[in-house]
C-alpha atoms as a PDB file:
ATOM      1  CA  UNK A   1      57.037 130.875  67.542  1.00  0.00           C
ATOM      2  CA  UNK A   2      54.976 127.689  67.456  1.00  0.00           C
ATOM      3  CA  UNK A   3      51.733 129.500  68.244  1.00  0.00           C
ATOM      4  CA  UNK A   4      52.582 132.279  65.765  1.00  0.00           C
ATOM      5  CA  UNK A   5      52.962 129.782  62.946  1.00  0.00           C
ATOM      6  CA  UNK A   6      49.883 127.821  63.981  1.00  0.00           C
ATOM      7  CA  UNK A   7      47.864 131.068  63.999  1.00  0.00           C
ATOM      8  CA  UNK A   8      49.187 132.048  60.557  1.00  0.00           C
ATOM      9  CA  UNK A   9      48.272 128.681  59.091  1.00  0.00           C
ATOM     10  CA  UNK A  10      44.832 128.646  60.708  1.00  0.00           C
ATOM     11  CA  UNK A  11      44.203 132.133  59.337  1.00  0.00           C
ATOM     12  CA  UNK A  12      45.315 131.221  55.829  1.00  0.00           C
ATOM     13  CA  UNK A  13      43.289 128.009  55.733  1.00  0.00           C
ATOM     14  CA  UNK A  14      40.163 128.845  57.715  1.00  0.00           C
ATOM     15  CA  UNK A  15      38.845 125.320  58.282  1.00  0.00           C
ATOM     16  CA  UNK A  16      42.273 123.807  58.884  1.00  0.00           C
ATOM     17  CA  UNK A  17      43.178 121.258  61.483  1.00  0.00           C
ATOM     18  CA  UNK A  18      46.832 122.118  62.159  1.00  0.00           C
ATOM     19  CA  UNK A  19      49.354 119.963  63.977  1.00  0.00           C
ATOM     20  CA  UNK A  20      52.732 121.643  64.288  1.00  0.00           C
ATOM     21  CA  UNK A  21      55.856 120.262  65.916  1.00  0.00           C
ATOM     22  CA  UNK A  22      58.977 122.405  66.269  1.00  0.00           C
ATOM     23  CA  UNK A  23      62.426 121.123  67.158  1.00  0.00           C
ATOM     24  CA  UNK A  24      64.758 124.107  67.117  1.00  0.00           C
ATOM     25  CA  UNK A  25      64.570 125.478  63.592  1.00  0.00           C
ATOM     26  CA  UNK A  26      62.979 122.309  62.204  1.00  0.00           C
ATOM     27  CA  UNK A  27      59.230 122.043  61.696  1.00  0.00           C
ATOM     28  CA  UNK A  28      56.816 119.238  60.998  1.00  0.00           C
ATOM     29  CA  UNK A  29      53.514 120.616  59.747  1.00  0.00           C
ATOM     30  CA  UNK A  30      50.498 118.362  59.343  1.00  0.00           C
ATOM     31  CA  UNK A  31      47.490 120.244  58.056  1.00  0.00           C
ATOM     32  CA  UNK A  32      44.074 119.114  56.836  1.00  0.00           C
ATOM     33  CA  UNK A  33      41.906 121.640  55.014  1.00  0.00           C
ATOM     34  CA  UNK A  34      39.210 121.656  52.339  1.00  0.00           C
ATOM     35  CA  UNK A  35      41.294 124.425  50.764  1.00  0.00           C
ATOM     36  CA  UNK A  36      43.458 121.588  49.389  1.00  0.00           C
ATOM     37  CA  UNK A  37      40.555 119.672  47.785  1.00  0.00           C
ATOM     38  CA  UNK A  38      41.505 120.165  44.140  1.00  0.00           C
ATOM     39  CA  UNK A  39      45.251 120.683  44.559  1.00  0.00           C
ATOM     40  CA  UNK A  40      48.135 118.380  43.770  1.00  0.00           C
ATOM     41  CA  UNK A  41      50.571 117.450  46.528  1.00  0.00           C
ATOM     42  CA  UNK A  42      53.051 120.024  45.207  1.00  0.00           C
ATOM     43  CA  UNK A  43      50.419 122.778  45.079  1.00  0.00           C
ATOM     44  CA  UNK A  44      49.418 121.994  48.676  1.00  0.00           C
ATOM     45  CA  UNK A  45      53.019 122.268  49.843  1.00  0.00           C
ATOM     46  CA  UNK A  46      53.515 125.495  47.888  1.00  0.00           C
ATOM     47  CA  UNK A  47      50.421 126.990  49.537  1.00  0.00           C
ATOM     48  CA  UNK A  48      51.770 126.165  53.007  1.00  0.00           C
ATOM     49  CA  UNK A  49      55.279 127.391  52.165  1.00  0.00           C
ATOM     50  CA  UNK A  50      53.808 130.708  50.999  1.00  0.00           C
ATOM     51  CA  UNK A  51      52.347 131.254  54.477  1.00  0.00           C
ATOM     52  CA  UNK A  52      55.612 130.517  56.304  1.00  0.00           C
ATOM     53  CA  UNK A  53      58.017 131.997  53.731  1.00  0.00           C
ATOM     54  CA  UNK A  54      59.185 134.803  56.028  1.00  0.00           C
ATOM     55  CA  UNK A  55      60.194 132.286  58.714  1.00  0.00           C
ATOM     56  CA  UNK A  56      62.252 130.353  56.168  1.00  0.00           C
ATOM     57  CA  UNK A  57      63.790 133.462  54.585  1.00  0.00           C
ATOM     58  CA  UNK A  58      65.092 134.854  57.865  1.00  0.00           C
ATOM     59  CA  UNK A  59      66.316 131.482  59.137  1.00  0.00           C
ATOM     60  CA  UNK A  60      63.868 130.955  61.979  1.00  0.00           C
ATOM     61  CA  UNK A  61      62.854 127.789  60.129  1.00  0.00           C
ATOM     62  CA  UNK A  62      65.432 125.763  58.272  1.00  0.00           C
ATOM     63  CA  UNK A  63      64.025 122.295  57.626  1.00  0.00           C
ATOM     64  CA  UNK A  64      60.299 122.003  57.039  1.00  0.00           C
ATOM     65  CA  UNK A  65      58.316 118.825  56.451  1.00  0.00           C
ATOM     66  CA  UNK A  66      54.756 119.339  55.260  1.00  0.00           C
ATOM     67  CA  UNK A  67      51.935 116.846  55.132  1.00  0.00           C
ATOM     68  CA  UNK A  68      49.009 118.787  53.673  1.00  0.00           C
ATOM     69  CA  UNK A  69      45.835 116.847  52.953  1.00  0.00           C
ATOM     70  CA  UNK A  70      42.202 117.343  52.160  1.00  0.00           C
ATOM     71  CA  UNK A  71      39.424 115.921  54.333  1.00  0.00           C
ATOM     72  CA  UNK A  72      38.253 114.160  51.160  1.00  0.00           C
ATOM     73  CA  UNK A  73      41.437 112.074  51.060  1.00  0.00           C
END
């Protein structure tokens, strides 16, 4: 599942540097992408959640921590 999620995120944010740690159904996602340049912190998290929504909806992921930043930051 870890590689599936990493692939989804890399596909959604083409220039992304993705670091993903899974512990059971808990995920820590650290992602840096220029896609986030003009987004607020909440908008960045919403963009990442949209990509992994199916994993959350069906319970494969339960607790998700997201650190989404821009290379400009």
